Amino acid sequence: MADFSMSDILDAYKKELGSPKLSELSEGFYQGVGKLVSRLLFEIKRGDELQRELLQEELNNVVFLVQEIHTARVLKAMEEVSGGETPTSILERERQAFSDVRQELEKLGEELVSPALSGKVEVSAPFQKTRVAVLMLSEQPEKIIGPDLQSYGPFEKGEIVSLPEPSADMMVRRGQARRVGVKA
């Protein structure tokens, strides 16, 4: 792009933000932006204080506008990708990236959604709230969290407590408790 300038960026910005669809962007757009930024940085180093201030402001505007253009393009393209389409009116590098994203989303759908809708999902048995009485063989100063997400304890040595079966089994395996039978 010969003599790429701020007006080229403003035109692209207006087109991109003024349309619900992706606008055409020349393949050399980002290279033109790079050349403009390089030129501005060079001129900032050479200019007097007022020139540096004005050029820095222009550079800030360039950065802001280009980021806005890019963000708008990504959001529009992602909307198309999520609808199963490969976006048109995009640069070749954007096309590659969004094609990869579309493939990953399709793969994710195959892994998560398809099995769920086909009934091929593994379903675990619902949590049963069976409680067991245990005699504490040692002091348990810390609270424990049961499978029902309730906290139990702390416990004193010799105390008889009622715990969810998985928690009681764990304490028995660790030698911290012993099951006790309760007669009705």
N, C-alpha and C. Protein backbone atom coordinates (compact mmCIF):
# COMPACT_ATOMS: atom_id res chain seq x y z
N MET A 1 0.85 -1.18 0.00
CA MET A 1 0.00 0.00 0.00
C MET A 1 0.89 1.23 0.00
N ALA A 2 0.78 2.01 -1.00
CA ALA A 2 1.58 3.23 -1.10
C ALA A 2 0.96 4.32 -0.22
N ASP A 3 1.81 5.02 0.55
CA ASP A 3 1.38 6.14 1.38
C ASP A 3 0.19 5.79 2.28
N PHE A 4 0.30 4.69 2.98
CA PHE A 4 -0.73 4.29 3.94
C PHE A 4 -0.79 5.34 5.03
N SER A 5 -2.00 5.74 5.43
CA SER A 5 -2.13 6.83 6.40
C SER A 5 -3.26 6.56 7.39
N MET A 6 -3.40 7.50 8.29
CA MET A 6 -4.47 7.44 9.28
C MET A 6 -5.83 7.39 8.62
N SER A 7 -6.00 8.05 7.49
CA SER A 7 -7.31 8.04 6.80
C SER A 7 -7.66 6.64 6.32
N ASP A 8 -6.66 5.82 5.94
CA ASP A 8 -6.92 4.43 5.55
C ASP A 8 -7.44 3.63 6.74
N ILE A 9 -6.87 3.89 7.91
CA ILE A 9 -7.32 3.20 9.12
C ILE A 9 -8.72 3.65 9.49
N LEU A 10 -8.97 4.96 9.41
CA LEU A 10 -10.31 5.48 9.72
C LEU A 10 -11.36 4.91 8.78
N ASP A 11 -11.03 4.79 7.50
CA ASP A 11 -11.97 4.21 6.54
C ASP A 11 -12.29 2.76 6.92
N ALA A 12 -11.25 1.99 7.24
CA ALA A 12 -11.46 0.59 7.63
C ALA A 12 -12.28 0.50 8.91
N TYR A 13 -12.00 1.40 9.83
CA TYR A 13 -12.72 1.43 11.12
C TYR A 13 -14.20 1.70 10.89
N LYS A 14 -14.51 2.71 10.09
CA LYS A 14 -15.91 3.07 9.81
C LYS A 14 -16.64 1.93 9.12
N LYS A 15 -15.98 1.29 8.14
CA LYS A 15 -16.61 0.18 7.43
C LYS A 15 -16.86 -0.99 8.37
N GLU A 16 -15.86 -1.32 9.19
CA GLU A 16 -15.99 -2.49 10.07
C GLU A 16 -17.03 -2.30 11.14
N LEU A 17 -17.01 -1.15 11.78
CA LEU A 17 -17.96 -0.92 12.87
C LEU A 17 -19.33 -0.48 12.37
N GLY A 18 -19.41 -0.12 11.11
CA GLY A 18 -20.69 0.31 10.55
C GLY A 18 -21.47 -0.80 9.89
N SER A 19 -20.96 -2.02 9.92
CA SER A 19 -21.62 -3.12 9.24
C SER A 19 -21.77 -4.32 10.17
N PRO A 20 -22.90 -5.01 10.10
CA PRO A 20 -23.06 -6.20 10.94
C PRO A 20 -22.22 -7.39 10.43
N LYS A 21 -21.82 -7.33 9.17
CA LYS A 21 -21.00 -8.39 8.57
C LYS A 21 -19.56 -7.93 8.47
N LEU A 22 -18.65 -8.88 8.28
CA LEU A 22 -17.24 -8.55 8.09
C LEU A 22 -17.07 -7.71 6.83
N SER A 23 -16.29 -6.67 6.93
CA SER A 23 -16.02 -5.84 5.75
C SER A 23 -14.76 -6.34 5.06
N GLU A 24 -14.60 -5.94 3.81
CA GLU A 24 -13.39 -6.30 3.06
C GLU A 24 -12.22 -5.52 3.63
N LEU A 25 -11.12 -6.20 3.84
CA LEU A 25 -9.90 -5.58 4.34
C LEU A 25 -8.78 -6.06 3.41
N SER A 26 -8.01 -5.13 2.90
CA SER A 26 -6.96 -5.52 1.95
C SER A 26 -5.92 -6.39 2.65
N GLU A 27 -5.34 -7.33 1.91
CA GLU A 27 -4.32 -8.21 2.47
C GLU A 27 -3.14 -7.42 3.04
N GLY A 28 -2.89 -6.23 2.51
CA GLY A 28 -1.77 -5.43 2.97
C GLY A 28 -2.10 -4.46 4.08
N PHE A 29 -3.31 -4.57 4.64
CA PHE A 29 -3.74 -3.61 5.66
C PHE A 29 -2.79 -3.58 6.86
N TYR A 30 -2.52 -4.73 7.45
CA TYR A 30 -1.70 -4.76 8.66
C TYR A 30 -0.24 -4.39 8.36
N GLN A 31 0.23 -4.73 7.15
CA GLN A 31 1.58 -4.30 6.77
C GLN A 31 1.62 -2.78 6.64
N GLY A 32 0.56 -2.19 6.09
CA GLY A 32 0.47 -0.74 6.00
C GLY A 32 0.46 -0.09 7.36
N VAL A 33 -0.28 -0.71 8.30
CA VAL A 33 -0.31 -0.20 9.67
C VAL A 33 1.09 -0.26 10.27
N GLY A 34 1.80 -1.37 10.04
CA GLY A 34 3.15 -1.51 10.56
C GLY A 34 4.09 -0.44 10.03
N LYS A 35 3.98 -0.14 8.75
CA LYS A 35 4.82 0.90 8.15
C LYS A 35 4.47 2.28 8.73
N LEU A 36 3.18 2.53 8.91
CA LEU A 36 2.76 3.81 9.48
C LEU A 36 3.28 3.96 10.90
N VAL A 37 3.16 2.91 11.70
CA VAL A 37 3.65 2.95 13.08
C VAL A 37 5.16 3.18 13.09
N SER A 38 5.89 2.49 12.22
CA SER A 38 7.35 2.69 12.15
C SER A 38 7.69 4.13 11.79
N ARG A 39 6.96 4.68 10.81
CA ARG A 39 7.20 6.06 10.40
C ARG A 39 6.91 7.03 11.54
N LEU A 40 5.80 6.80 12.26
CA LEU A 40 5.45 7.68 13.39
C LEU A 40 6.51 7.60 14.48
N LEU A 41 6.97 6.40 14.80
CA LEU A 41 7.99 6.24 15.84
C LEU A 41 9.30 6.95 15.44
N PHE A 42 9.66 6.85 14.18
CA PHE A 42 10.86 7.52 13.68
C PHE A 42 10.72 9.04 13.80
N GLU A 43 9.55 9.56 13.40
CA GLU A 43 9.32 11.00 13.44
C GLU A 43 9.22 11.51 14.88
N ILE A 44 8.72 10.68 15.78
CA ILE A 44 8.64 11.08 17.19
C ILE A 44 10.05 11.31 17.74
N LYS A 45 10.99 10.48 17.35
CA LYS A 45 12.37 10.62 17.83
C LYS A 45 13.02 11.89 17.29
N ARG A 46 12.65 12.30 16.09
CA ARG A 46 13.30 13.44 15.44
C ARG A 46 12.64 14.78 15.73
N GLY A 47 11.38 14.78 16.09
CA GLY A 47 10.65 16.03 16.21
C GLY A 47 10.93 16.81 17.48
N ASP A 48 10.48 18.08 17.44
CA ASP A 48 10.58 18.89 18.66
C ASP A 48 9.48 18.46 19.62
N GLU A 49 9.40 19.09 20.77
CA GLU A 49 8.48 18.65 21.82
C GLU A 49 7.03 18.66 21.36
N LEU A 50 6.58 19.72 20.72
CA LEU A 50 5.19 19.79 20.25
C LEU A 50 4.92 18.73 19.19
N GLN A 51 5.84 18.56 18.25
CA GLN A 51 5.67 17.52 17.22
C GLN A 51 5.60 16.14 17.86
N ARG A 52 6.47 15.87 18.82
CA ARG A 52 6.47 14.56 19.49
C ARG A 52 5.13 14.31 20.16
N GLU A 53 4.62 15.34 20.81
CA GLU A 53 3.34 15.20 21.50
C GLU A 53 2.21 14.90 20.52
N LEU A 54 2.17 15.62 19.41
CA LEU A 54 1.13 15.41 18.40
C LEU A 54 1.27 14.04 17.73
N LEU A 55 2.50 13.67 17.41
CA LEU A 55 2.73 12.38 16.77
C LEU A 55 2.42 11.23 17.72
N GLN A 56 2.73 11.39 19.00
CA GLN A 56 2.41 10.35 19.99
C GLN A 56 0.90 10.17 20.09
N GLU A 57 0.17 11.26 20.04
CA GLU A 57 -1.29 11.19 20.08
C GLU A 57 -1.81 10.46 18.84
N GLU A 58 -1.25 10.75 17.69
CA GLU A 58 -1.65 10.06 16.46
C GLU A 58 -1.34 8.56 16.58
N LEU A 59 -0.17 8.24 17.11
CA LEU A 59 0.20 6.83 17.30
C LEU A 59 -0.79 6.14 18.24
N ASN A 60 -1.15 6.80 19.33
CA ASN A 60 -2.14 6.23 20.26
C ASN A 60 -3.46 5.97 19.56
N ASN A 61 -3.88 6.90 18.69
CA ASN A 61 -5.13 6.73 17.94
C ASN A 61 -5.03 5.56 16.96
N VAL A 62 -3.88 5.43 16.30
CA VAL A 62 -3.68 4.31 15.37
C VAL A 62 -3.84 2.99 16.13
N VAL A 63 -3.16 2.87 17.26
CA VAL A 63 -3.20 1.64 18.05
C VAL A 63 -4.64 1.35 18.49
N PHE A 64 -5.33 2.35 18.99
CA PHE A 64 -6.72 2.17 19.44
C PHE A 64 -7.62 1.70 18.29
N LEU A 65 -7.55 2.39 17.16
CA LEU A 65 -8.42 2.05 16.03
C LEU A 65 -8.13 0.66 15.48
N VAL A 66 -6.87 0.30 15.37
CA VAL A 66 -6.52 -1.02 14.84
C VAL A 66 -6.99 -2.12 15.80
N GLN A 67 -6.85 -1.88 17.09
CA GLN A 67 -7.34 -2.87 18.06
C GLN A 67 -8.86 -3.00 17.98
N GLU A 68 -9.55 -1.90 17.80
CA GLU A 68 -11.01 -1.94 17.67
C GLU A 68 -11.43 -2.68 16.40
N ILE A 69 -10.73 -2.43 15.32
CA ILE A 69 -11.02 -3.13 14.06
C ILE A 69 -10.84 -4.63 14.26
N HIS A 70 -9.71 -5.00 14.84
CA HIS A 70 -9.43 -6.42 15.06
C HIS A 70 -10.48 -7.07 15.95
N THR A 71 -10.82 -6.42 17.05
CA THR A 71 -11.81 -6.98 17.98
C THR A 71 -13.16 -7.16 17.29
N ALA A 72 -13.59 -6.17 16.54
CA ALA A 72 -14.86 -6.26 15.81
C ALA A 72 -14.83 -7.42 14.82
N ARG A 73 -13.72 -7.58 14.12
CA ARG A 73 -13.59 -8.65 13.14
C ARG A 73 -13.64 -10.02 13.82
N VAL A 74 -12.95 -10.15 14.95
CA VAL A 74 -12.95 -11.42 15.66
C VAL A 74 -14.35 -11.76 16.15
N LEU A 75 -15.05 -10.81 16.72
CA LEU A 75 -16.40 -11.07 17.22
C LEU A 75 -17.35 -11.46 16.10
N LYS A 76 -17.28 -10.75 14.98
CA LYS A 76 -18.15 -11.08 13.84
C LYS A 76 -17.81 -12.45 13.28
N ALA A 77 -16.53 -12.73 13.16
CA ALA A 77 -16.11 -14.03 12.62
C ALA A 77 -16.51 -15.16 13.56
N MET A 78 -16.36 -14.95 14.87
CA MET A 78 -16.73 -15.99 15.82
C MET A 78 -18.22 -16.27 15.78
N GLU A 79 -19.01 -15.26 15.54
CA GLU A 79 -20.45 -15.47 15.41
C GLU A 79 -20.73 -16.38 14.22
N GLU A 80 -20.04 -16.14 13.11
CA GLU A 80 -20.22 -16.99 11.94
C GLU A 80 -19.70 -18.40 12.21
N VAL A 81 -18.55 -18.50 12.87
CA VAL A 81 -17.95 -19.81 13.18
C VAL A 81 -18.88 -20.61 14.08
N SER A 82 -19.46 -19.96 15.10
CA SER A 82 -20.35 -20.68 16.02
C SER A 82 -21.61 -21.15 15.31
N GLY A 83 -21.94 -20.52 14.19
CA GLY A 83 -23.07 -20.96 13.37
C GLY A 83 -22.69 -22.03 12.37
N GLY A 84 -21.44 -22.50 12.43
CA GLY A 84 -20.99 -23.56 11.54
C GLY A 84 -20.46 -23.09 10.21
N GLU A 85 -20.32 -21.79 10.04
CA GLU A 85 -19.83 -21.24 8.78
C GLU A 85 -18.36 -20.87 8.89
N THR A 86 -17.69 -20.84 7.74
CA THR A 86 -16.35 -20.27 7.69
C THR A 86 -16.54 -18.86 7.18
N PRO A 87 -16.08 -17.87 7.92
CA PRO A 87 -16.31 -16.48 7.53
C PRO A 87 -15.72 -16.16 6.15
N THR A 88 -16.43 -15.30 5.45
CA THR A 88 -15.93 -14.78 4.18
C THR A 88 -15.45 -13.36 4.45
N SER A 89 -14.90 -12.71 3.49
CA SER A 89 -14.39 -11.33 3.62
C SER A 89 -13.34 -11.22 4.72
N ILE A 90 -12.49 -12.23 4.81
CA ILE A 90 -11.43 -12.16 5.81
C ILE A 90 -10.08 -12.38 5.14
N LEU A 91 -9.06 -11.96 5.84
CA LEU A 91 -7.70 -12.14 5.35
C LEU A 91 -7.33 -13.61 5.42
N GLU A 92 -6.35 -14.02 4.63
CA GLU A 92 -5.95 -15.43 4.59
C GLU A 92 -5.53 -15.93 5.97
N ARG A 93 -4.76 -15.14 6.71
CA ARG A 93 -4.33 -15.56 8.05
C ARG A 93 -5.51 -15.70 8.99
N GLU A 94 -6.50 -14.80 8.87
CA GLU A 94 -7.71 -14.90 9.68
C GLU A 94 -8.48 -16.18 9.30
N ARG A 95 -8.54 -16.48 8.00
CA ARG A 95 -9.26 -17.66 7.52
C ARG A 95 -8.66 -18.93 8.14
N GLN A 96 -7.34 -19.01 8.17
CA GLN A 96 -6.69 -20.18 8.77
C GLN A 96 -7.04 -20.31 10.25
N ALA A 97 -6.95 -19.20 10.96
CA ALA A 97 -7.21 -19.23 12.41
C ALA A 97 -8.67 -19.60 12.69
N PHE A 98 -9.61 -19.02 11.97
CA PHE A 98 -11.02 -19.30 12.24
C PHE A 98 -11.43 -20.68 11.75
N SER A 99 -10.76 -21.19 10.75
CA SER A 99 -11.00 -22.56 10.32
C SER A 99 -10.58 -23.52 11.43
N ASP A 100 -9.43 -23.25 12.05
CA ASP A 100 -8.97 -24.07 13.18
C ASP A 100 -9.95 -23.99 14.35
N VAL A 101 -10.45 -22.79 14.63
CA VAL A 101 -11.41 -22.62 15.71
C VAL A 101 -12.69 -23.40 15.40
N ARG A 102 -13.18 -23.30 14.17
CA ARG A 102 -14.40 -24.01 13.79
C ARG A 102 -14.22 -25.52 13.97
N GLN A 103 -13.06 -26.04 13.56
CA GLN A 103 -12.79 -27.47 13.72
C GLN A 103 -12.76 -27.87 15.19
N GLU A 104 -12.15 -27.05 16.02
CA GLU A 104 -12.10 -27.34 17.46
C GLU A 104 -13.50 -27.32 18.07
N LEU A 105 -14.33 -26.36 17.66
CA LEU A 105 -15.70 -26.30 18.18
C LEU A 105 -16.51 -27.51 17.74
N GLU A 106 -16.32 -27.96 16.49
CA GLU A 106 -17.01 -29.15 16.01
C GLU A 106 -16.58 -30.38 16.82
N LYS A 107 -15.27 -30.48 17.07
CA LYS A 107 -14.74 -31.60 17.85
C LYS A 107 -15.30 -31.57 19.27
N LEU A 108 -15.37 -30.39 19.86
CA LEU A 108 -15.93 -30.24 21.19
C LEU A 108 -17.39 -30.69 21.22
N GLY A 109 -18.13 -30.29 20.20
CA GLY A 109 -19.53 -30.71 20.10
C GLY A 109 -19.66 -32.21 20.00
N GLU A 110 -18.78 -32.84 19.22
CA GLU A 110 -18.81 -34.30 19.09
C GLU A 110 -18.49 -34.97 20.42
N GLU A 111 -17.60 -34.39 21.19
CA GLU A 111 -17.19 -34.99 22.46
C GLU A 111 -18.21 -34.77 23.57
N LEU A 112 -18.88 -33.61 23.57
CA LEU A 112 -19.77 -33.29 24.68
C LEU A 112 -21.25 -33.41 24.34
N VAL A 113 -21.65 -32.74 23.29
CA VAL A 113 -23.07 -32.64 22.99
C VAL A 113 -23.63 -33.91 22.37
N SER A 114 -22.95 -34.44 21.38
CA SER A 114 -23.46 -35.62 20.67
C SER A 114 -23.72 -36.79 21.61
N PRO A 115 -22.77 -37.15 22.49
CA PRO A 115 -23.06 -38.26 23.40
C PRO A 115 -24.25 -37.97 24.33
N ALA A 116 -24.36 -36.74 24.77
CA ALA A 116 -25.46 -36.40 25.67
C ALA A 116 -26.80 -36.55 24.97
N LEU A 117 -26.88 -36.09 23.74
CA LEU A 117 -28.15 -36.15 23.01
C LEU A 117 -28.48 -37.55 22.51
N SER A 118 -27.46 -38.39 22.37
CA SER A 118 -27.70 -39.75 21.89
C SER A 118 -27.99 -40.71 23.03
N GLY A 119 -27.88 -40.26 24.25
CA GLY A 119 -28.13 -41.11 25.41
C GLY A 119 -26.95 -41.98 25.77
N LYS A 120 -25.77 -41.70 25.23
CA LYS A 120 -24.58 -42.51 25.50
C LYS A 120 -23.73 -41.92 26.62
N VAL A 121 -24.36 -41.26 27.54
CA VAL A 121 -23.65 -40.63 28.64
C VAL A 121 -23.61 -41.59 29.81
N GLU A 122 -22.46 -41.70 30.45
CA GLU A 122 -22.36 -42.53 31.63
C GLU A 122 -23.02 -41.80 32.79
N VAL A 123 -23.94 -42.49 33.42
CA VAL A 123 -24.65 -41.89 34.55
C VAL A 123 -24.29 -42.69 35.79
N SER A 124 -23.81 -42.00 36.81
CA SER A 124 -23.47 -42.69 38.05
C SER A 124 -24.71 -42.79 38.93
N ALA A 125 -24.68 -43.76 39.80
CA ALA A 125 -25.80 -43.95 40.71
C ALA A 125 -25.92 -42.74 41.62
N PRO A 126 -27.13 -42.38 41.97
CA PRO A 126 -27.29 -41.22 42.85
C PRO A 126 -26.66 -41.51 44.22
N PHE A 127 -26.20 -40.44 44.86
CA PHE A 127 -25.56 -40.55 46.17
C PHE A 127 -26.59 -41.01 47.20
N GLN A 128 -26.25 -42.07 47.90
CA GLN A 128 -27.14 -42.58 48.94
C GLN A 128 -26.67 -42.05 50.28
N LYS A 129 -27.60 -41.62 51.09
CA LYS A 129 -27.26 -41.01 52.36
C LYS A 129 -27.29 -42.03 53.50
N THR A 130 -26.49 -43.07 53.36
CA THR A 130 -26.41 -44.09 54.41
C THR A 130 -25.42 -43.60 55.45
N ARG A 131 -25.84 -43.68 56.71
CA ARG A 131 -24.98 -43.23 57.80
C ARG A 131 -24.58 -44.45 58.63
N VAL A 132 -23.41 -44.34 59.23
CA VAL A 132 -22.84 -45.43 60.00
C VAL A 132 -22.37 -44.87 61.34
N ALA A 133 -22.59 -45.65 62.39
CA ALA A 133 -22.10 -45.26 63.71
C ALA A 133 -20.68 -45.81 63.87
N VAL A 134 -19.79 -44.95 64.35
CA VAL A 134 -18.40 -45.36 64.58
C VAL A 134 -17.95 -44.86 65.94
N LEU A 135 -17.01 -45.63 66.53
CA LEU A 135 -16.38 -45.25 67.78
C LEU A 135 -15.04 -44.66 67.41
N MET A 136 -14.77 -43.45 67.86
CA MET A 136 -13.51 -42.77 67.53
C MET A 136 -12.40 -43.39 68.37
N LEU A 137 -11.37 -43.91 67.71
CA LEU A 137 -10.23 -44.53 68.39
C LEU A 137 -9.13 -43.53 68.69
N SER A 138 -9.22 -42.37 68.05
CA SER A 138 -8.23 -41.32 68.31
C SER A 138 -8.93 -39.98 68.17
N GLU A 139 -8.28 -38.99 68.71
CA GLU A 139 -8.83 -37.64 68.61
C GLU A 139 -8.73 -37.17 67.16
N GLN A 140 -9.76 -36.51 66.67
CA GLN A 140 -9.79 -35.94 65.31
C GLN A 140 -10.04 -34.45 65.48
N PRO A 141 -8.95 -33.63 65.62
CA PRO A 141 -9.13 -32.21 65.91
C PRO A 141 -9.65 -31.40 64.73
N GLU A 142 -9.47 -31.90 63.52
CA GLU A 142 -9.91 -31.17 62.33
C GLU A 142 -11.29 -31.64 61.91
N LYS A 143 -12.06 -30.71 61.33
CA LYS A 143 -13.34 -31.10 60.74
C LYS A 143 -13.07 -31.84 59.43
N ILE A 144 -13.96 -32.75 59.09
CA ILE A 144 -13.86 -33.43 57.80
C ILE A 144 -15.10 -33.07 56.98
N ILE A 145 -14.93 -33.10 55.68
CA ILE A 145 -16.05 -32.81 54.79
C ILE A 145 -16.52 -34.14 54.21
N GLY A 146 -17.80 -34.45 54.41
CA GLY A 146 -18.36 -35.70 53.91
C GLY A 146 -18.75 -35.58 52.44
N PRO A 147 -19.14 -36.70 51.84
CA PRO A 147 -19.54 -36.69 50.43
C PRO A 147 -20.81 -35.87 50.18
N ASP A 148 -21.53 -35.57 51.25
CA ASP A 148 -22.72 -34.72 51.14
C ASP A 148 -22.36 -33.24 51.30
N LEU A 149 -21.04 -32.96 51.35
CA LEU A 149 -20.48 -31.62 51.49
C LEU A 149 -20.81 -30.95 52.82
N GLN A 150 -21.19 -31.75 53.81
CA GLN A 150 -21.41 -31.26 55.16
C GLN A 150 -20.12 -31.47 55.94
N SER A 151 -19.88 -30.61 56.94
CA SER A 151 -18.67 -30.79 57.75
C SER A 151 -19.04 -31.54 59.04
N TYR A 152 -18.09 -32.40 59.47
CA TYR A 152 -18.27 -33.24 60.65
C TYR A 152 -17.04 -33.09 61.54
N GLY A 153 -17.27 -33.09 62.84
CA GLY A 153 -16.16 -33.02 63.77
C GLY A 153 -16.00 -31.62 64.31
N PRO A 154 -14.94 -31.42 65.04
CA PRO A 154 -13.90 -32.36 65.47
C PRO A 154 -14.45 -33.38 66.45
N PHE A 155 -13.71 -34.50 66.63
CA PHE A 155 -14.15 -35.60 67.47
C PHE A 155 -13.13 -35.88 68.56
N GLU A 156 -13.63 -36.35 69.70
CA GLU A 156 -12.78 -36.76 70.83
C GLU A 156 -12.62 -38.27 70.79
N LYS A 157 -11.51 -38.76 71.31
CA LYS A 157 -11.28 -40.20 71.43
C LYS A 157 -12.37 -40.79 72.33
N GLY A 158 -12.97 -41.91 71.91
CA GLY A 158 -14.03 -42.57 72.67
C GLY A 158 -15.43 -42.10 72.31
N GLU A 159 -15.55 -41.07 71.54
CA GLU A 159 -16.85 -40.53 71.14
C GLU A 159 -17.48 -41.44 70.08
N ILE A 160 -18.79 -41.66 70.17
CA ILE A 160 -19.52 -42.41 69.14
C ILE A 160 -20.25 -41.38 68.28
N VAL A 161 -19.99 -41.47 66.98
CA VAL A 161 -20.58 -40.50 66.06
C VAL A 161 -21.22 -41.20 64.87
N SER A 162 -22.14 -40.49 64.24
CA SER A 162 -22.82 -40.99 63.05
C SER A 162 -22.29 -40.22 61.85
N LEU A 163 -21.70 -40.94 60.88
CA LEU A 163 -21.10 -40.30 59.70
C LEU A 163 -21.66 -40.92 58.43
N PRO A 164 -21.59 -40.20 57.32
CA PRO A 164 -21.93 -40.82 56.04
C PRO A 164 -21.01 -42.03 55.82
N GLU A 165 -21.53 -43.08 55.23
CA GLU A 165 -20.78 -44.33 55.09
C GLU A 165 -19.40 -44.16 54.46
N PRO A 166 -19.23 -43.39 53.36
CA PRO A 166 -17.87 -43.25 52.80
C PRO A 166 -16.88 -42.61 53.78
N SER A 167 -17.33 -41.64 54.56
CA SER A 167 -16.44 -40.99 55.54
C SER A 167 -16.10 -41.95 56.66
N ALA A 168 -17.10 -42.70 57.12
CA ALA A 168 -16.86 -43.68 58.19
C ALA A 168 -15.89 -44.74 57.71
N ASP A 169 -16.06 -45.25 56.49
CA ASP A 169 -15.16 -46.27 55.95
C ASP A 169 -13.74 -45.73 55.86
N MET A 170 -13.57 -44.49 55.44
CA MET A 170 -12.24 -43.90 55.33
C MET A 170 -11.57 -43.85 56.71
N MET A 171 -12.31 -43.45 57.73
CA MET A 171 -11.74 -43.34 59.07
C MET A 171 -11.41 -44.72 59.64
N VAL A 172 -12.21 -45.73 59.29
CA VAL A 172 -11.92 -47.10 59.73
C VAL A 172 -10.65 -47.60 59.05
N ARG A 173 -10.52 -47.37 57.75
CA ARG A 173 -9.31 -47.80 57.02
C ARG A 173 -8.05 -47.14 57.60
N ARG A 174 -8.16 -45.93 58.04
CA ARG A 174 -7.02 -45.20 58.60
C ARG A 174 -6.73 -45.57 60.06
N GLY A 175 -7.60 -46.39 60.63
CA GLY A 175 -7.40 -46.79 62.02
C GLY A 175 -7.82 -45.72 63.02
N GLN A 176 -8.60 -44.75 62.57
CA GLN A 176 -9.05 -43.67 63.46
C GLN A 176 -10.39 -43.98 64.11
N ALA A 177 -11.10 -44.98 63.57
CA ALA A 177 -12.43 -45.29 64.10
C ALA A 177 -12.72 -46.78 63.91
N ARG A 178 -13.77 -47.26 64.61
CA ARG A 178 -14.22 -48.65 64.50
C ARG A 178 -15.74 -48.61 64.39
N ARG A 179 -16.27 -49.40 63.46
CA ARG A 179 -17.73 -49.46 63.35
C ARG A 179 -18.33 -50.05 64.62
N VAL A 180 -19.49 -49.53 64.96
CA VAL A 180 -20.22 -50.09 66.09
C VAL A 180 -21.64 -50.42 65.64
N GLY A 181 -22.14 -51.50 66.14
CA GLY A 181 -23.51 -51.90 65.80
C GLY A 181 -24.48 -51.21 66.74
N VAL A 182 -25.60 -50.83 66.22
CA VAL A 182 -26.62 -50.19 67.02
C VAL A 182 -27.86 -51.06 66.96
N LYS A 183 -28.36 -51.47 68.14
CA LYS A 183 -29.58 -52.28 68.18
C LYS A 183 -30.78 -51.37 68.30
N ALA A 184 -31.81 -51.73 67.55
CA ALA A 184 -33.00 -50.91 67.58
C ALA A 184 -33.93 -51.33 68.65
